N, C-alpha and C. Protein backbone atom coordinates (compact mmCIF):
# COMPACT_ATOMS: atom_id res chain seq x y z
N MET A 1 -10.77 -9.56 5.01
CA MET A 1 -10.50 -9.09 3.67
C MET A 1 -9.08 -8.54 3.66
N ASN A 2 -8.45 -8.65 2.50
CA ASN A 2 -7.09 -8.16 2.33
C ASN A 2 -7.01 -7.23 1.12
N LEU A 3 -5.96 -6.44 1.12
CA LEU A 3 -5.64 -5.56 0.00
C LEU A 3 -4.22 -5.88 -0.43
N LEU A 4 -4.04 -6.18 -1.70
CA LEU A 4 -2.72 -6.36 -2.28
C LEU A 4 -2.44 -5.11 -3.10
N ALA A 5 -1.46 -4.31 -2.65
CA ALA A 5 -1.16 -3.04 -3.30
C ALA A 5 0.22 -3.10 -3.94
N ARG A 6 0.30 -2.63 -5.18
CA ARG A 6 1.57 -2.61 -5.92
C ARG A 6 1.98 -1.15 -6.13
N PHE A 7 3.14 -0.82 -5.63
CA PHE A 7 3.69 0.52 -5.74
C PHE A 7 4.84 0.51 -6.73
N THR A 8 4.93 1.54 -7.57
CA THR A 8 6.03 1.63 -8.54
C THR A 8 6.71 2.99 -8.43
N PRO A 9 7.40 3.24 -7.32
CA PRO A 9 8.10 4.50 -7.15
C PRO A 9 9.41 4.50 -7.94
N PRO A 10 9.99 5.68 -8.20
CA PRO A 10 11.27 5.72 -8.90
C PRO A 10 12.45 5.32 -8.00
N ASP A 11 12.28 5.43 -6.69
CA ASP A 11 13.37 5.16 -5.74
C ASP A 11 12.80 4.44 -4.52
N PHE A 12 13.21 3.18 -4.31
CA PHE A 12 12.65 2.41 -3.21
C PHE A 12 13.00 3.00 -1.85
N ALA A 13 14.23 3.43 -1.65
CA ALA A 13 14.64 3.95 -0.35
C ALA A 13 13.79 5.16 0.06
N ALA A 14 13.56 6.08 -0.87
CA ALA A 14 12.73 7.25 -0.58
C ALA A 14 11.28 6.82 -0.32
N PHE A 15 10.79 5.88 -1.11
CA PHE A 15 9.43 5.36 -0.92
C PHE A 15 9.29 4.75 0.46
N LYS A 16 10.24 3.91 0.87
CA LYS A 16 10.16 3.22 2.15
C LYS A 16 10.19 4.20 3.32
N THR A 17 11.02 5.22 3.22
CA THR A 17 11.08 6.24 4.27
C THR A 17 9.73 6.94 4.40
N ASP A 18 9.15 7.31 3.27
CA ASP A 18 7.85 7.98 3.27
C ASP A 18 6.75 7.02 3.74
N PHE A 19 6.80 5.80 3.29
CA PHE A 19 5.82 4.79 3.69
C PHE A 19 5.83 4.60 5.21
N ASP A 20 7.01 4.46 5.77
CA ASP A 20 7.13 4.27 7.22
C ASP A 20 6.63 5.48 8.00
N ALA A 21 6.83 6.66 7.45
CA ALA A 21 6.41 7.90 8.12
C ALA A 21 4.89 8.06 8.15
N HIS A 22 4.19 7.31 7.30
CA HIS A 22 2.73 7.46 7.21
C HIS A 22 1.97 6.25 7.75
N ALA A 23 2.56 5.56 8.71
CA ALA A 23 1.90 4.39 9.31
C ALA A 23 0.57 4.77 9.96
N GLU A 24 0.51 5.95 10.57
CA GLU A 24 -0.72 6.37 11.25
C GLU A 24 -1.87 6.57 10.26
N SER A 25 -1.58 7.10 9.08
CA SER A 25 -2.66 7.30 8.10
C SER A 25 -3.19 5.96 7.61
N ARG A 26 -2.33 4.97 7.48
CA ARG A 26 -2.80 3.63 7.10
C ARG A 26 -3.66 3.04 8.21
N GLN A 27 -3.25 3.24 9.45
CA GLN A 27 -4.03 2.74 10.59
C GLN A 27 -5.41 3.39 10.61
N GLN A 28 -5.46 4.70 10.37
CA GLN A 28 -6.74 5.42 10.35
C GLN A 28 -7.63 4.95 9.20
N ALA A 29 -7.01 4.42 8.16
CA ALA A 29 -7.77 3.89 7.02
C ALA A 29 -8.18 2.44 7.24
N GLY A 30 -7.90 1.90 8.43
CA GLY A 30 -8.29 0.53 8.74
C GLY A 30 -7.40 -0.51 8.11
N LEU A 31 -6.14 -0.16 7.83
CA LEU A 31 -5.21 -1.08 7.19
C LEU A 31 -4.12 -1.51 8.17
N THR A 32 -3.80 -2.78 8.15
CA THR A 32 -2.70 -3.33 8.92
C THR A 32 -1.75 -4.00 7.94
N LEU A 33 -0.51 -3.54 7.91
CA LEU A 33 0.48 -4.13 7.01
C LEU A 33 0.84 -5.52 7.51
N LEU A 34 0.66 -6.52 6.65
CA LEU A 34 1.01 -7.89 6.99
C LEU A 34 2.37 -8.27 6.43
N GLN A 35 2.67 -7.78 5.22
CA GLN A 35 3.92 -8.14 4.56
C GLN A 35 4.23 -7.12 3.47
N MET A 36 5.52 -6.84 3.29
CA MET A 36 5.98 -6.02 2.17
C MET A 36 7.08 -6.78 1.45
N TRP A 37 6.97 -6.81 0.13
CA TRP A 37 8.00 -7.41 -0.70
C TRP A 37 8.59 -6.33 -1.59
N ARG A 38 9.88 -6.41 -1.83
CA ARG A 38 10.57 -5.46 -2.68
C ARG A 38 10.93 -6.14 -3.99
N ASP A 39 10.76 -5.43 -5.09
CA ASP A 39 11.13 -5.92 -6.42
C ASP A 39 12.65 -6.06 -6.49
N LEU A 40 13.14 -7.22 -6.83
CA LEU A 40 14.59 -7.43 -6.92
C LEU A 40 15.22 -6.72 -8.11
N ASP A 41 14.44 -6.44 -9.14
CA ASP A 41 14.99 -5.85 -10.36
C ASP A 41 14.60 -4.40 -10.56
N GLY A 42 14.01 -3.76 -9.56
CA GLY A 42 13.57 -2.37 -9.71
C GLY A 42 13.27 -1.76 -8.36
N ALA A 43 12.55 -0.66 -8.39
CA ALA A 43 12.24 0.08 -7.16
C ALA A 43 10.85 -0.23 -6.62
N GLY A 44 10.12 -1.12 -7.26
CA GLY A 44 8.75 -1.39 -6.88
C GLY A 44 8.62 -2.18 -5.58
N ALA A 45 7.41 -2.16 -5.04
CA ALA A 45 7.09 -2.89 -3.82
C ALA A 45 5.66 -3.39 -3.91
N VAL A 46 5.42 -4.51 -3.25
CA VAL A 46 4.08 -5.08 -3.14
C VAL A 46 3.80 -5.24 -1.65
N CYS A 47 2.64 -4.75 -1.22
CA CYS A 47 2.26 -4.81 0.19
C CYS A 47 0.95 -5.57 0.35
N LEU A 48 0.90 -6.41 1.35
CA LEU A 48 -0.31 -7.12 1.70
C LEU A 48 -0.83 -6.53 3.01
N PHE A 49 -2.06 -6.04 2.98
CA PHE A 49 -2.69 -5.42 4.13
C PHE A 49 -3.91 -6.22 4.56
N GLU A 50 -4.19 -6.24 5.85
CA GLU A 50 -5.48 -6.66 6.37
C GLU A 50 -6.37 -5.43 6.35
N VAL A 51 -7.61 -5.58 5.88
CA VAL A 51 -8.53 -4.46 5.72
C VAL A 51 -9.66 -4.58 6.74
N ASN A 52 -9.84 -3.53 7.53
CA ASN A 52 -10.94 -3.50 8.49
C ASN A 52 -12.15 -2.74 7.98
N ASP A 53 -11.95 -1.83 7.03
CA ASP A 53 -13.03 -1.00 6.49
C ASP A 53 -12.72 -0.75 5.02
N ARG A 54 -13.45 -1.41 4.13
CA ARG A 54 -13.13 -1.33 2.71
C ARG A 54 -13.27 0.08 2.16
N ALA A 55 -14.28 0.81 2.57
CA ALA A 55 -14.48 2.18 2.06
C ALA A 55 -13.30 3.07 2.44
N LYS A 56 -12.84 2.99 3.68
CA LYS A 56 -11.69 3.79 4.11
C LYS A 56 -10.42 3.34 3.39
N ALA A 57 -10.28 2.04 3.21
CA ALA A 57 -9.11 1.52 2.50
C ALA A 57 -9.11 1.98 1.05
N GLN A 58 -10.26 1.99 0.41
CA GLN A 58 -10.35 2.46 -0.98
C GLN A 58 -10.01 3.94 -1.06
N ALA A 59 -10.48 4.73 -0.11
CA ALA A 59 -10.15 6.16 -0.08
C ALA A 59 -8.64 6.36 0.09
N TRP A 60 -8.02 5.57 0.95
CA TRP A 60 -6.57 5.65 1.13
C TRP A 60 -5.85 5.30 -0.16
N LEU A 61 -6.30 4.24 -0.83
CA LEU A 61 -5.70 3.80 -2.09
C LEU A 61 -5.84 4.89 -3.15
N ASP A 62 -7.01 5.51 -3.23
CA ASP A 62 -7.23 6.60 -4.19
C ASP A 62 -6.29 7.76 -3.92
N THR A 63 -6.09 8.09 -2.65
CA THR A 63 -5.18 9.17 -2.28
C THR A 63 -3.75 8.82 -2.68
N GLN A 64 -3.34 7.59 -2.41
CA GLN A 64 -1.99 7.16 -2.77
C GLN A 64 -1.76 7.23 -4.27
N SER A 65 -2.78 6.93 -5.03
CA SER A 65 -2.67 6.96 -6.49
C SER A 65 -2.43 8.36 -7.02
N GLY A 66 -2.83 9.37 -6.27
CA GLY A 66 -2.67 10.75 -6.71
C GLY A 66 -1.40 11.42 -6.23
N LEU A 67 -0.49 10.66 -5.60
CA LEU A 67 0.71 11.27 -5.02
C LEU A 67 1.92 11.26 -5.94
N GLY A 68 1.75 10.90 -7.19
CA GLY A 68 2.85 11.03 -8.13
C GLY A 68 3.55 9.76 -8.54
N HIS A 69 3.33 8.65 -7.84
CA HIS A 69 3.89 7.39 -8.32
C HIS A 69 2.76 6.37 -8.38
N PRO A 70 2.74 5.60 -9.47
CA PRO A 70 1.62 4.68 -9.66
C PRO A 70 1.48 3.65 -8.54
N VAL A 71 0.24 3.40 -8.17
CA VAL A 71 -0.09 2.34 -7.22
C VAL A 71 -1.40 1.71 -7.67
N THR A 72 -1.44 0.40 -7.63
CA THR A 72 -2.68 -0.32 -7.94
C THR A 72 -3.02 -1.20 -6.75
N GLY A 73 -4.28 -1.51 -6.63
CA GLY A 73 -4.71 -2.34 -5.51
C GLY A 73 -5.77 -3.32 -5.91
N GLN A 74 -5.78 -4.44 -5.23
CA GLN A 74 -6.78 -5.46 -5.45
C GLN A 74 -7.25 -5.96 -4.10
N PHE A 75 -8.57 -5.89 -3.87
CA PHE A 75 -9.16 -6.41 -2.64
C PHE A 75 -9.40 -7.89 -2.80
N LEU A 76 -9.01 -8.67 -1.79
CA LEU A 76 -9.08 -10.12 -1.87
C LEU A 76 -9.73 -10.69 -0.60
N ARG A 77 -10.26 -11.89 -0.72
CA ARG A 77 -10.72 -12.62 0.46
C ARG A 77 -10.30 -14.07 0.31
N THR A 78 -10.18 -14.74 1.41
CA THR A 78 -9.77 -16.13 1.39
C THR A 78 -10.83 -16.97 0.71
N ALA A 79 -10.40 -17.83 -0.18
CA ALA A 79 -11.35 -18.69 -0.94
C ALA A 79 -11.66 -19.95 -0.16
């Protein structure tokens, strides 16, 4: 299973620094970052994660949503 998460921070550089600093919390949530894309026309980012535990991943996503910059997520599986 995968998670496609869209982040819309006001400043990409600050977001990326914070994102990198919290790699352990993502690991504890059962998430492995597979790819990150940066919005060419803004500060947003889209991340593709491998999910090992959906409940933990959802809790992580809920926490991220409450940190002051919008984030949305969609759980996906290979068709």
